[in-house]
Amino acid sequence: APYSGPAQGRIVFAMDATASRQPHWDRAAHIQAEMFDAVGNIGTLDI
């Protein structure tokens, strides 16, 4: 890990990557930033 110290929260972000889901995968790849943005002022998050 390129950081030290524990985070305030740890989340596993799991996805079905079977063939029919490529468009949904691409969408989620960009949307996931909201998780980090939401906690920027209250703590740290490891995903």
All heavy atoms as atom14 arrays in JSON, in Angstrom:
{
  "sequence": "APYSGPAQGRIVFAMDATASRQPHWDRAAHIQAEMFDAVGNIGTLDI",
  "atom14_mask": [
    [1, 1, 1, 1, 1, 0, 0, 0, 0, 0, 0, 0, 0, 0],
    [1, 1, 1, 1, 1, 1, 1, 0, 0, 0, 0, 0, 0, 0],
    [1, 1, 1, 1, 1, 1, 1, 1, 1, 1, 1, 1, 0, 0],
    [1, 1, 1, 1, 1, 1, 0, 0, 0, 0, 0, 0, 0, 0],
    [1, 1, 1, 1, 0, 0, 0, 0, 0, 0, 0, 0, 0, 0],
    [1, 1, 1, 1, 1, 1, 1, 0, 0, 0, 0, 0, 0, 0],
    [1, 1, 1, 1, 1, 0, 0, 0, 0, 0, 0, 0, 0, 0],
    [1, 1, 1, 1, 1, 1, 1, 1, 1, 0, 0, 0, 0, 0],
    [1, 1, 1, 1, 0, 0, 0, 0, 0, 0, 0, 0, 0, 0],
    [1, 1, 1, 1, 1, 1, 1, 1, 1, 1, 1, 0, 0, 0],
    [1, 1, 1, 1, 1, 1, 1, 1, 0, 0, 0, 0, 0, 0],
    [1, 1, 1, 1, 1, 1, 1, 0, 0, 0, 0, 0, 0, 0],
    [1, 1, 1, 1, 1, 1, 1, 1, 1, 1, 1, 0, 0, 0],
    [1, 1, 1, 1, 1, 0, 0, 0, 0, 0, 0, 0, 0, 0],
    [1, 1, 1, 1, 1, 1, 1, 1, 0, 0, 0, 0, 0, 0],
    [1, 1, 1, 1, 1, 1, 1, 1, 0, 0, 0, 0, 0, 0],
    [1, 1, 1, 1, 1, 0, 0, 0, 0, 0, 0, 0, 0, 0],
    [1, 1, 1, 1, 1, 1, 1, 0, 0, 0, 0, 0, 0, 0],
    [1, 1, 1, 1, 1, 0, 0, 0, 0, 0, 0, 0, 0, 0],
    [1, 1, 1, 1, 1, 1, 0, 0, 0, 0, 0, 0, 0, 0],
    [1, 1, 1, 1, 1, 1, 1, 1, 1, 1, 1, 0, 0, 0],
    [1, 1, 1, 1, 1, 1, 1, 1, 1, 0, 0, 0, 0, 0],
    [1, 1, 1, 1, 1, 1, 1, 0, 0, 0, 0, 0, 0, 0],
    [1, 1, 1, 1, 1, 1, 1, 1, 1, 1, 0, 0, 0, 0],
    [1, 1, 1, 1, 1, 1, 1, 1, 1, 1, 1, 1, 1, 1],
    [1, 1, 1, 1, 1, 1, 1, 1, 0, 0, 0, 0, 0, 0],
    [1, 1, 1, 1, 1, 1, 1, 1, 1, 1, 1, 0, 0, 0],
    [1, 1, 1, 1, 1, 0, 0, 0, 0, 0, 0, 0, 0, 0],
    [1, 1, 1, 1, 1, 0, 0, 0, 0, 0, 0, 0, 0, 0],
    [1, 1, 1, 1, 1, 1, 1, 1, 1, 1, 0, 0, 0, 0],
    [1, 1, 1, 1, 1, 1, 1, 1, 0, 0, 0, 0, 0, 0],
    [1, 1, 1, 1, 1, 1, 1, 1, 1, 0, 0, 0, 0, 0],
    [1, 1, 1, 1, 1, 0, 0, 0, 0, 0, 0, 0, 0, 0],
    [1, 1, 1, 1, 1, 1, 1, 1, 1, 0, 0, 0, 0, 0],
    [1, 1, 1, 1, 1, 1, 1, 1, 0, 0, 0, 0, 0, 0],
    [1, 1, 1, 1, 1, 1, 1, 1, 1, 1, 1, 0, 0, 0],
    [1, 1, 1, 1, 1, 1, 1, 1, 0, 0, 0, 0, 0, 0],
    [1, 1, 1, 1, 1, 0, 0, 0, 0, 0, 0, 0, 0, 0],
    [1, 1, 1, 1, 1, 1, 1, 0, 0, 0, 0, 0, 0, 0],
    [1, 1, 1, 1, 0, 0, 0, 0, 0, 0, 0, 0, 0, 0],
    [1, 1, 1, 1, 1, 1, 1, 1, 0, 0, 0, 0, 0, 0],
    [1, 1, 1, 1, 1, 1, 1, 1, 0, 0, 0, 0, 0, 0],
    [1, 1, 1, 1, 0, 0, 0, 0, 0, 0, 0, 0, 0, 0],
    [1, 1, 1, 1, 1, 1, 1, 0, 0, 0, 0, 0, 0, 0],
    [1, 1, 1, 1, 1, 1, 1, 1, 0, 0, 0, 0, 0, 0],
    [1, 1, 1, 1, 1, 1, 1, 1, 0, 0, 0, 0, 0, 0],
    [1, 1, 1, 1, 1, 1, 1, 1, 0, 0, 0, 0, 0, 0]
  ],
  "atom14_positions": [
    [[0.83, -1.2, 0.0], [0.0, 0.0, 0.0], [0.86, 1.25, 0.0], [1.82, 1.34, 0.73], [-0.9, 0.01, 1.24], [0.0, 0.0, 0.0], [0.0, 0.0, 0.0], [0.0, 0.0, 0.0], [0.0, 0.0, 0.0], [0.0, 0.0, 0.0], [0.0, 0.0, 0.0], [0.0, 0.0, 0.0], [0.0, 0.0, 0.0], [0.0, 0.0, 0.0]],
    [[0.51, 2.27, -0.83], [1.34, 3.47, -0.94], [1.0, 4.52, 0.1], [1.14, 5.69, -0.13], [0.99, 3.96, -2.35], [-0.44, 3.57, -2.51], [-0.57, 2.23, -1.78], [0.0, 0.0, 0.0], [0.0, 0.0, 0.0], [0.0, 0.0, 0.0], [0.0, 0.0, 0.0], [0.0, 0.0, 0.0], [0.0, 0.0, 0.0], [0.0, 0.0, 0.0]],
    [[0.52, 4.11, 1.27], [0.17, 5.05, 2.32], [0.37, 4.35, 3.65], [0.55, 3.15, 3.72], [-1.29, 5.52, 2.17], [-2.26, 4.38, 2.04], [-2.71, 3.71, 3.17], [-2.7, 3.95, 0.79], [-3.58, 2.64, 3.05], [-3.56, 2.89, 0.68], [-4.01, 2.24, 1.8], [-4.87, 1.18, 1.69], [0.0, 0.0, 0.0], [0.0, 0.0, 0.0]],
    [[0.32, 5.11, 4.72], [0.46, 4.52, 6.05], [-0.72, 4.94, 6.91], [-1.36, 5.95, 6.65], [1.76, 4.99, 6.7], [1.78, 6.39, 6.82], [0.0, 0.0, 0.0], [0.0, 0.0, 0.0], [0.0, 0.0, 0.0], [0.0, 0.0, 0.0], [0.0, 0.0, 0.0], [0.0, 0.0, 0.0], [0.0, 0.0, 0.0], [0.0, 0.0, 0.0]],
    [[-0.98, 4.17, 7.93], [-2.05, 4.49, 8.86], [-3.38, 3.91, 8.41], [-3.64, 3.76, 7.23], [0.0, 0.0, 0.0], [0.0, 0.0, 0.0], [0.0, 0.0, 0.0], [0.0, 0.0, 0.0], [0.0, 0.0, 0.0], [0.0, 0.0, 0.0], [0.0, 0.0, 0.0], [0.0, 0.0, 0.0], [0.0, 0.0, 0.0], [0.0, 0.0, 0.0]],
    [[-4.23, 3.55, 9.37], [-5.51, 2.93, 9.04], [-6.51, 3.95, 8.5], [-6.46, 5.14, 8.84], [-5.98, 2.38, 10.39], [-5.34, 3.29, 11.4], [-4.0, 3.66, 10.82], [0.0, 0.0, 0.0], [0.0, 0.0, 0.0], [0.0, 0.0, 0.0], [0.0, 0.0, 0.0], [0.0, 0.0, 0.0], [0.0, 0.0, 0.0], [0.0, 0.0, 0.0]],
    [[-7.4, 3.49, 7.66], [-8.49, 4.33, 7.17], [-9.65, 4.25, 8.15], [-9.73, 3.35, 8.98], [-8.93, 3.87, 5.79], [0.0, 0.0, 0.0], [0.0, 0.0, 0.0], [0.0, 0.0, 0.0], [0.0, 0.0, 0.0], [0.0, 0.0, 0.0], [0.0, 0.0, 0.0], [0.0, 0.0, 0.0], [0.0, 0.0, 0.0], [0.0, 0.0, 0.0]],
    [[-10.57, 5.22, 8.04], [-11.76, 5.18, 8.88], [-12.8, 4.2, 8.36], [-13.73, 3.84, 9.07], [-12.37, 6.58, 8.98], [-11.72, 7.46, 10.04], [-10.33, 7.91, 9.63], [-10.14, 8.43, 8.54], [-9.35, 7.69, 10.48], [0.0, 0.0, 0.0], [0.0, 0.0, 0.0], [0.0, 0.0, 0.0], [0.0, 0.0, 0.0], [0.0, 0.0, 0.0]],
    [[-12.67, 3.78, 7.11], [-13.61, 2.83, 6.55], [-12.97, 1.98, 5.48], [-12.07, 2.43, 4.77], [0.0, 0.0, 0.0], [0.0, 0.0, 0.0], [0.0, 0.0, 0.0], [0.0, 0.0, 0.0], [0.0, 0.0, 0.0], [0.0, 0.0, 0.0], [0.0, 0.0, 0.0], [0.0, 0.0, 0.0], [0.0, 0.0, 0.0], [0.0, 0.0, 0.0]],
    [[-13.43, 0.72, 5.38], [-12.91, -0.2, 4.36], [-14.09, -0.85, 3.65], [-14.96, -1.44, 4.29], [-12.0, -1.26, 4.99], [-10.6, -0.68, 5.25], [-9.79, -1.51, 6.21], [-9.69, -2.93, 5.97], [-8.63, -3.55, 5.4], [-7.61, -2.85, 4.97], [-8.6, -4.86, 5.29], [0.0, 0.0, 0.0], [0.0, 0.0, 0.0], [0.0, 0.0, 0.0]],
    [[-14.1, -0.73, 2.32], [-15.19, -1.24, 1.5], [-14.64, -2.12, 0.4], [-13.65, -1.77, -0.26], [-15.99, -0.07, 0.87], [-16.72, 0.74, 1.94], [-16.99, -0.59, -0.16], [-17.42, 1.98, 1.4], [0.0, 0.0, 0.0], [0.0, 0.0, 0.0], [0.0, 0.0, 0.0], [0.0, 0.0, 0.0], [0.0, 0.0, 0.0], [0.0, 0.0, 0.0]],
    [[-15.27, -3.27, 0.2], [-15.0, -4.08, -0.98], [-16.06, -3.73, -2.03], [-17.27, -3.83, -1.76], [-15.04, -5.59, -0.66], [-15.05, -6.41, -1.97], [-13.83, -5.98, 0.18], [0.0, 0.0, 0.0], [0.0, 0.0, 0.0], [0.0, 0.0, 0.0], [0.0, 0.0, 0.0], [0.0, 0.0, 0.0], [0.0, 0.0, 0.0], [0.0, 0.0, 0.0]],
    [[-15.61, -3.31, -3.2], [-16.48, -2.9, -4.3], [-16.41, -4.02, -5.34], [-15.42, -4.16, -6.05], [-15.97, -1.58, -4.87], [-16.87, -0.94, -5.89], [-18.24, -0.85, -5.68], [-16.34, -0.42, -7.06], [-19.06, -0.23, -6.62], [-17.15, 0.19, -8.0], [-18.51, 0.29, -7.78], [0.0, 0.0, 0.0], [0.0, 0.0, 0.0], [0.0, 0.0, 0.0]],
    [[-17.45, -4.84, -5.4], [-17.43, -6.05, -6.23], [-18.39, -5.91, -7.4], [-19.48, -5.35, -7.27], [-17.81, -7.27, -5.38], [0.0, 0.0, 0.0], [0.0, 0.0, 0.0], [0.0, 0.0, 0.0], [0.0, 0.0, 0.0], [0.0, 0.0, 0.0], [0.0, 0.0, 0.0], [0.0, 0.0, 0.0], [0.0, 0.0, 0.0], [0.0, 0.0, 0.0]],
    [[-17.96, -6.46, -8.54], [-18.77, -6.35, -9.74], [-18.74, -7.62, -10.57], [-17.73, -8.31, -10.63], [-18.3, -5.17, -10.59], [-18.49, -3.82, -9.93], [-18.02, -2.46, -11.02], [-19.28, -2.63, -12.29], [0.0, 0.0, 0.0], [0.0, 0.0, 0.0], [0.0, 0.0, 0.0], [0.0, 0.0, 0.0], [0.0, 0.0, 0.0], [0.0, 0.0, 0.0]],
    [[-19.87, -7.89, -11.19], [-19.99, -8.95, -12.18], [-19.35, -8.45, -13.47], [-19.8, -7.44, -14.03], [-21.48, -9.25, -12.38], [-21.75, -10.33, -13.41], [-20.86, -10.62, -14.22], [-22.88, -10.86, -13.41], [0.0, 0.0, 0.0], [0.0, 0.0, 0.0], [0.0, 0.0, 0.0], [0.0, 0.0, 0.0], [0.0, 0.0, 0.0], [0.0, 0.0, 0.0]],
    [[-18.29, -9.11, -13.92], [-17.6, -8.7, -15.15], [-17.79, -9.73, -16.25], [-16.91, -9.94, -17.08], [-16.11, -8.48, -14.88], [0.0, 0.0, 0.0], [0.0, 0.0, 0.0], [0.0, 0.0, 0.0], [0.0, 0.0, 0.0], [0.0, 0.0, 0.0], [0.0, 0.0, 0.0], [0.0, 0.0, 0.0], [0.0, 0.0, 0.0], [0.0, 0.0, 0.0]],
    [[-18.95, -10.39, -16.26], [-19.25, -11.29, -17.36], [-19.63, -10.48, -18.59], [-19.89, -9.28, -18.51], [-20.35, -12.28, -16.97], [-21.48, -11.58, -16.44], [-19.84, -13.26, -15.92], [0.0, 0.0, 0.0], [0.0, 0.0, 0.0], [0.0, 0.0, 0.0], [0.0, 0.0, 0.0], [0.0, 0.0, 0.0], [0.0, 0.0, 0.0], [0.0, 0.0, 0.0]],
    [[-19.68, -11.13, -19.75], [-19.66, -10.44, -21.04], [-20.73, -9.37, -21.22], [-20.46, -8.3, -21.78], [-19.76, -11.48, -22.16], [0.0, 0.0, 0.0], [0.0, 0.0, 0.0], [0.0, 0.0, 0.0], [0.0, 0.0, 0.0], [0.0, 0.0, 0.0], [0.0, 0.0, 0.0], [0.0, 0.0, 0.0], [0.0, 0.0, 0.0], [0.0, 0.0, 0.0]],
    [[-21.93, -9.61, -20.76], [-23.03, -8.68, -21.02], [-22.92, -7.38, -20.25], [-23.69, -6.45, -20.49], [-24.36, -9.35, -20.67], [-24.43, -9.63, -19.28], [0.0, 0.0, 0.0], [0.0, 0.0, 0.0], [0.0, 0.0, 0.0], [0.0, 0.0, 0.0], [0.0, 0.0, 0.0], [0.0, 0.0, 0.0], [0.0, 0.0, 0.0], [0.0, 0.0, 0.0]],
    [[-21.95, -7.28, -19.35], [-21.93, -6.14, -18.45], [-20.88, -5.08, -18.78], [-20.65, -4.18, -17.99], [-21.71, -6.65, -17.02], [-22.87, -7.51, -16.53], [-22.86, -7.68, -15.05], [-22.38, -6.52, -14.36], [-23.08, -5.42, -14.15], [-24.31, -5.32, -14.6], [-22.55, -4.41, -13.51], [0.0, 0.0, 0.0], [0.0, 0.0, 0.0], [0.0, 0.0, 0.0]],
    [[-20.24, -5.15, -19.94], [-19.2, -4.18, -20.27], [-19.68, -2.73, -20.22], [-19.02, -1.88, -19.63], [-18.59, -4.48, -21.64], [-17.38, -3.62, -21.98], [-16.15, -3.98, -21.12], [-15.71, -5.11, -21.12], [-15.63, -3.0, -20.39], [0.0, 0.0, 0.0], [0.0, 0.0, 0.0], [0.0, 0.0, 0.0], [0.0, 0.0, 0.0], [0.0, 0.0, 0.0]],
    [[-20.84, -2.38, -20.81], [-21.29, -0.98, -20.74], [-21.51, -0.51, -19.3], [-21.19, 0.62, -18.95], [-22.59, -0.98, -21.54], [-22.49, -2.17, -22.43], [-21.74, -3.19, -21.64], [0.0, 0.0, 0.0], [0.0, 0.0, 0.0], [0.0, 0.0, 0.0], [0.0, 0.0, 0.0], [0.0, 0.0, 0.0], [0.0, 0.0, 0.0], [0.0, 0.0, 0.0]],
    [[-22.07, -1.39, -18.47], [-22.33, -1.03, -17.07], [-21.01, -0.91, -16.3], [-20.89, -0.08, -15.4], [-23.22, -2.09, -16.43], [-24.5, -2.32, -17.18], [-25.57, -1.47, -17.1], [-24.85, -3.31, -18.05], [-26.55, -1.92, -17.87], [-26.14, -3.03, -18.45], [0.0, 0.0, 0.0], [0.0, 0.0, 0.0], [0.0, 0.0, 0.0], [0.0, 0.0, 0.0]],
    [[-20.05, -1.74, -16.64], [-18.74, -1.68, -15.99], [-18.08, -0.33, -16.28], [-17.56, 0.33, -15.4], [-17.85, -2.82, -16.49], [-16.5, -2.85, -15.86], [-15.44, -2.05, -16.16], [-16.08, -3.69, -14.78], [-14.37, -2.37, -15.35], [-14.74, -3.36, -14.5], [-16.71, -4.69, -14.05], [-14.02, -4.01, -13.5], [-15.98, -5.33, -13.05], [-14.65, -4.98, -12.79]],
    [[-18.1, 0.08, -17.54], [-17.48, 1.35, -17.93], [-18.13, 2.52, -17.2], [-17.45, 3.46, -16.78], [-17.57, 1.54, -19.44], [-16.77, 0.51, -20.21], [-15.85, -0.09, -19.62], [-17.06, 0.29, -21.4], [0.0, 0.0, 0.0], [0.0, 0.0, 0.0], [0.0, 0.0, 0.0], [0.0, 0.0, 0.0], [0.0, 0.0, 0.0], [0.0, 0.0, 0.0]],
    [[-19.44, 2.46, -17.05], [-20.15, 3.52, -16.34], [-19.72, 3.58, -14.88], [-19.4, 4.64, -14.36], [-21.67, 3.26, -16.43], [-22.52, 4.25, -15.65], [-23.99, 3.83, -15.66], [-24.2, 2.56, -14.97], [-25.37, 1.96, -14.88], [-26.43, 2.47, -15.47], [-25.49, 0.82, -14.22], [0.0, 0.0, 0.0], [0.0, 0.0, 0.0], [0.0, 0.0, 0.0]],
    [[-19.67, 2.43, -14.24], [-19.32, 2.39, -12.82], [-17.88, 2.82, -12.59], [-17.55, 3.35, -11.52], [-19.55, 0.99, -12.25], [0.0, 0.0, 0.0], [0.0, 0.0, 0.0], [0.0, 0.0, 0.0], [0.0, 0.0, 0.0], [0.0, 0.0, 0.0], [0.0, 0.0, 0.0], [0.0, 0.0, 0.0], [0.0, 0.0, 0.0], [0.0, 0.0, 0.0]],
    [[-17.01, 2.59, -13.56], [-15.6, 2.97, -13.41], [-15.45, 4.46, -13.15], [-14.55, 4.91, -12.43], [-14.81, 2.57, -14.66], [0.0, 0.0, 0.0], [0.0, 0.0, 0.0], [0.0, 0.0, 0.0], [0.0, 0.0, 0.0], [0.0, 0.0, 0.0], [0.0, 0.0, 0.0], [0.0, 0.0, 0.0], [0.0, 0.0, 0.0], [0.0, 0.0, 0.0]],
    [[-16.33, 5.25, -13.72], [-16.26, 6.7, -13.53], [-17.1, 7.16, -12.34], [-16.73, 8.1, -11.63], [-16.72, 7.4, -14.81], [-15.83, 7.11, -15.99], [-14.64, 7.76, -16.19], [-15.95, 6.21, -16.99], [-14.05, 7.29, -17.29], [-14.83, 6.34, -17.79], [0.0, 0.0, 0.0], [0.0, 0.0, 0.0], [0.0, 0.0, 0.0], [0.0, 0.0, 0.0]],
    [[-18.19, 6.49, -12.09], [-19.08, 6.88, -10.99], [-18.46, 6.66, -9.62], [-18.74, 7.39, -8.67], [-20.41, 6.09, -11.11], [-21.2, 6.59, -12.31], [-21.24, 6.23, -9.84], [-22.43, 5.75, -12.59], [0.0, 0.0, 0.0], [0.0, 0.0, 0.0], [0.0, 0.0, 0.0], [0.0, 0.0, 0.0], [0.0, 0.0, 0.0], [0.0, 0.0, 0.0]],
    [[-17.59, 5.66, -9.48], [-17.06, 5.29, -8.18], [-16.36, 6.42, -7.45], [-16.21, 6.38, -6.23], [-16.11, 4.1, -8.3], [-14.96, 4.27, -9.29], [-13.8, 5.1, -8.79], [-13.59, 5.19, -7.58], [-13.08, 5.71, -9.69], [0.0, 0.0, 0.0], [0.0, 0.0, 0.0], [0.0, 0.0, 0.0], [0.0, 0.0, 0.0], [0.0, 0.0, 0.0]],
    [[-15.95, 7.48, -8.16], [-15.26, 8.6, -7.52], [-16.11, 9.25, -6.43], [-15.57, 9.83, -5.48], [-14.89, 9.65, -8.57], [0.0, 0.0, 0.0], [0.0, 0.0, 0.0], [0.0, 0.0, 0.0], [0.0, 0.0, 0.0], [0.0, 0.0, 0.0], [0.0, 0.0, 0.0], [0.0, 0.0, 0.0], [0.0, 0.0, 0.0], [0.0, 0.0, 0.0]],
    [[-17.42, 9.12, -6.55], [-18.31, 9.73, -5.56], [-18.06, 9.18, -4.16], [-18.25, 9.89, -3.17], [-19.77, 9.49, -5.96], [-20.8, 10.17, -5.04], [-20.7, 11.69, -5.04], [-20.29, 12.26, -6.07], [-21.04, 12.3, -3.99], [0.0, 0.0, 0.0], [0.0, 0.0, 0.0], [0.0, 0.0, 0.0], [0.0, 0.0, 0.0], [0.0, 0.0, 0.0]],
    [[-17.63, 7.94, -4.05], [-17.37, 7.36, -2.72], [-16.25, 8.11, -2.02], [-16.32, 8.38, -0.82], [-17.04, 5.88, -2.85], [-18.23, 5.02, -3.23], [-17.87, 3.23, -3.19], [-16.92, 3.05, -4.7], [0.0, 0.0, 0.0], [0.0, 0.0, 0.0], [0.0, 0.0, 0.0], [0.0, 0.0, 0.0], [0.0, 0.0, 0.0], [0.0, 0.0, 0.0]],
    [[-15.2, 8.43, -2.76], [-14.08, 9.16, -2.17], [-14.45, 10.62, -1.91], [-14.1, 11.19, -0.89], [-12.86, 9.08, -3.08], [-12.3, 7.7, -3.24], [-12.61, 6.93, -4.35], [-11.47, 7.15, -2.27], [-12.09, 5.65, -4.5], [-10.95, 5.87, -2.42], [-11.27, 5.13, -3.53], [0.0, 0.0, 0.0], [0.0, 0.0, 0.0], [0.0, 0.0, 0.0]],
    [[-15.17, 11.22, -2.87], [-15.54, 12.62, -2.72], [-16.44, 12.84, -1.5], [-16.32, 13.83, -0.79], [-16.27, 13.11, -3.97], [-15.36, 13.16, -5.2], [-14.13, 13.15, -5.01], [-15.89, 13.17, -6.32], [0.0, 0.0, 0.0], [0.0, 0.0, 0.0], [0.0, 0.0, 0.0], [0.0, 0.0, 0.0], [0.0, 0.0, 0.0], [0.0, 0.0, 0.0]],
    [[-17.34, 11.89, -1.27], [-18.32, 12.04, -0.19], [-17.68, 12.1, 1.18], [-18.2, 12.74, 2.09], [-19.34, 10.9, -0.25], [0.0, 0.0, 0.0], [0.0, 0.0, 0.0], [0.0, 0.0, 0.0], [0.0, 0.0, 0.0], [0.0, 0.0, 0.0], [0.0, 0.0, 0.0], [0.0, 0.0, 0.0], [0.0, 0.0, 0.0], [0.0, 0.0, 0.0]],
    [[-16.54, 11.43, 1.36], [-15.93, 11.37, 2.69], [-14.67, 12.23, 2.79], [-13.97, 12.17, 3.78], [-15.57, 9.9, 3.06], [-16.82, 9.04, 3.04], [-14.52, 9.33, 2.11], [0.0, 0.0, 0.0], [0.0, 0.0, 0.0], [0.0, 0.0, 0.0], [0.0, 0.0, 0.0], [0.0, 0.0, 0.0], [0.0, 0.0, 0.0], [0.0, 0.0, 0.0]],
    [[-14.44, 13.06, 1.79], [-13.21, 13.85, 1.77], [-13.0, 14.73, 2.98], [-11.86, 14.95, 3.41], [0.0, 0.0, 0.0], [0.0, 0.0, 0.0], [0.0, 0.0, 0.0], [0.0, 0.0, 0.0], [0.0, 0.0, 0.0], [0.0, 0.0, 0.0], [0.0, 0.0, 0.0], [0.0, 0.0, 0.0], [0.0, 0.0, 0.0], [0.0, 0.0, 0.0]],
    [[-14.08, 15.22, 3.56], [-13.97, 16.15, 4.69], [-14.18, 15.49, 6.05], [-14.08, 16.16, 7.08], [-14.97, 17.29, 4.53], [-14.66, 18.16, 3.33], [-13.49, 18.41, 3.02], [-15.69, 18.63, 2.65], [0.0, 0.0, 0.0], [0.0, 0.0, 0.0], [0.0, 0.0, 0.0], [0.0, 0.0, 0.0], [0.0, 0.0, 0.0], [0.0, 0.0, 0.0]],
    [[-14.49, 14.18, 6.06], [-14.8, 13.55, 7.35], [-13.89, 12.38, 7.68], [-13.92, 11.87, 8.8], [-16.27, 13.09, 7.4], [-16.57, 12.08, 6.28], [-17.22, 14.27, 7.33], [-17.98, 11.5, 6.35], [0.0, 0.0, 0.0], [0.0, 0.0, 0.0], [0.0, 0.0, 0.0], [0.0, 0.0, 0.0], [0.0, 0.0, 0.0], [0.0, 0.0, 0.0]],
    [[-13.08, 11.93, 6.75], [-12.2, 10.8, 7.05], [-11.62, 10.21, 5.78], [-11.69, 10.81, 4.71], [0.0, 0.0, 0.0], [0.0, 0.0, 0.0], [0.0, 0.0, 0.0], [0.0, 0.0, 0.0], [0.0, 0.0, 0.0], [0.0, 0.0, 0.0], [0.0, 0.0, 0.0], [0.0, 0.0, 0.0], [0.0, 0.0, 0.0], [0.0, 0.0, 0.0]],
    [[-11.03, 9.04, 5.92], [-10.41, 8.36, 4.79], [-11.08, 7.02, 4.54], [-11.63, 6.39, 5.45], [-8.91, 8.13, 5.02], [-8.74, 7.46, 6.28], [-8.17, 9.45, 5.04], [0.0, 0.0, 0.0], [0.0, 0.0, 0.0], [0.0, 0.0, 0.0], [0.0, 0.0, 0.0], [0.0, 0.0, 0.0], [0.0, 0.0, 0.0], [0.0, 0.0, 0.0]],
    [[-11.01, 6.59, 3.29], [-11.7, 5.39, 2.86], [-10.75, 4.54, 2.02], [-10.08, 5.04, 1.12], [-12.92, 5.78, 2.02], [-13.83, 4.66, 1.53], [-14.58, 4.04, 2.71], [-14.84, 5.23, 0.52], [0.0, 0.0, 0.0], [0.0, 0.0, 0.0], [0.0, 0.0, 0.0], [0.0, 0.0, 0.0], [0.0, 0.0, 0.0], [0.0, 0.0, 0.0]],
    [[-10.68, 3.25, 2.34], [-9.93, 2.3, 1.53], [-10.94, 1.43, 0.79], [-11.89, 0.92, 1.39], [-9.06, 1.4, 2.41], [-7.81, 2.11, 2.92], [-7.5, 3.2, 2.4], [-7.17, 1.58, 3.83], [0.0, 0.0, 0.0], [0.0, 0.0, 0.0], [0.0, 0.0, 0.0], [0.0, 0.0, 0.0], [0.0, 0.0, 0.0], [0.0, 0.0, 0.0]],
    [[-10.7, 1.24, -0.51], [-11.6, 0.43, -1.33], [-10.79, -0.61, -2.1], [-9.75, -0.3, -2.66], [-12.41, 1.29, -2.32], [-13.31, 2.28, -1.56], [-13.26, 0.41, -3.23], [-14.14, 3.16, -2.45], [0.0, 0.0, 0.0], [0.0, 0.0, 0.0], [0.0, 0.0, 0.0], [0.0, 0.0, 0.0], [0.0, 0.0, 0.0], [0.0, 0.0, 0.0]]
  ]
}
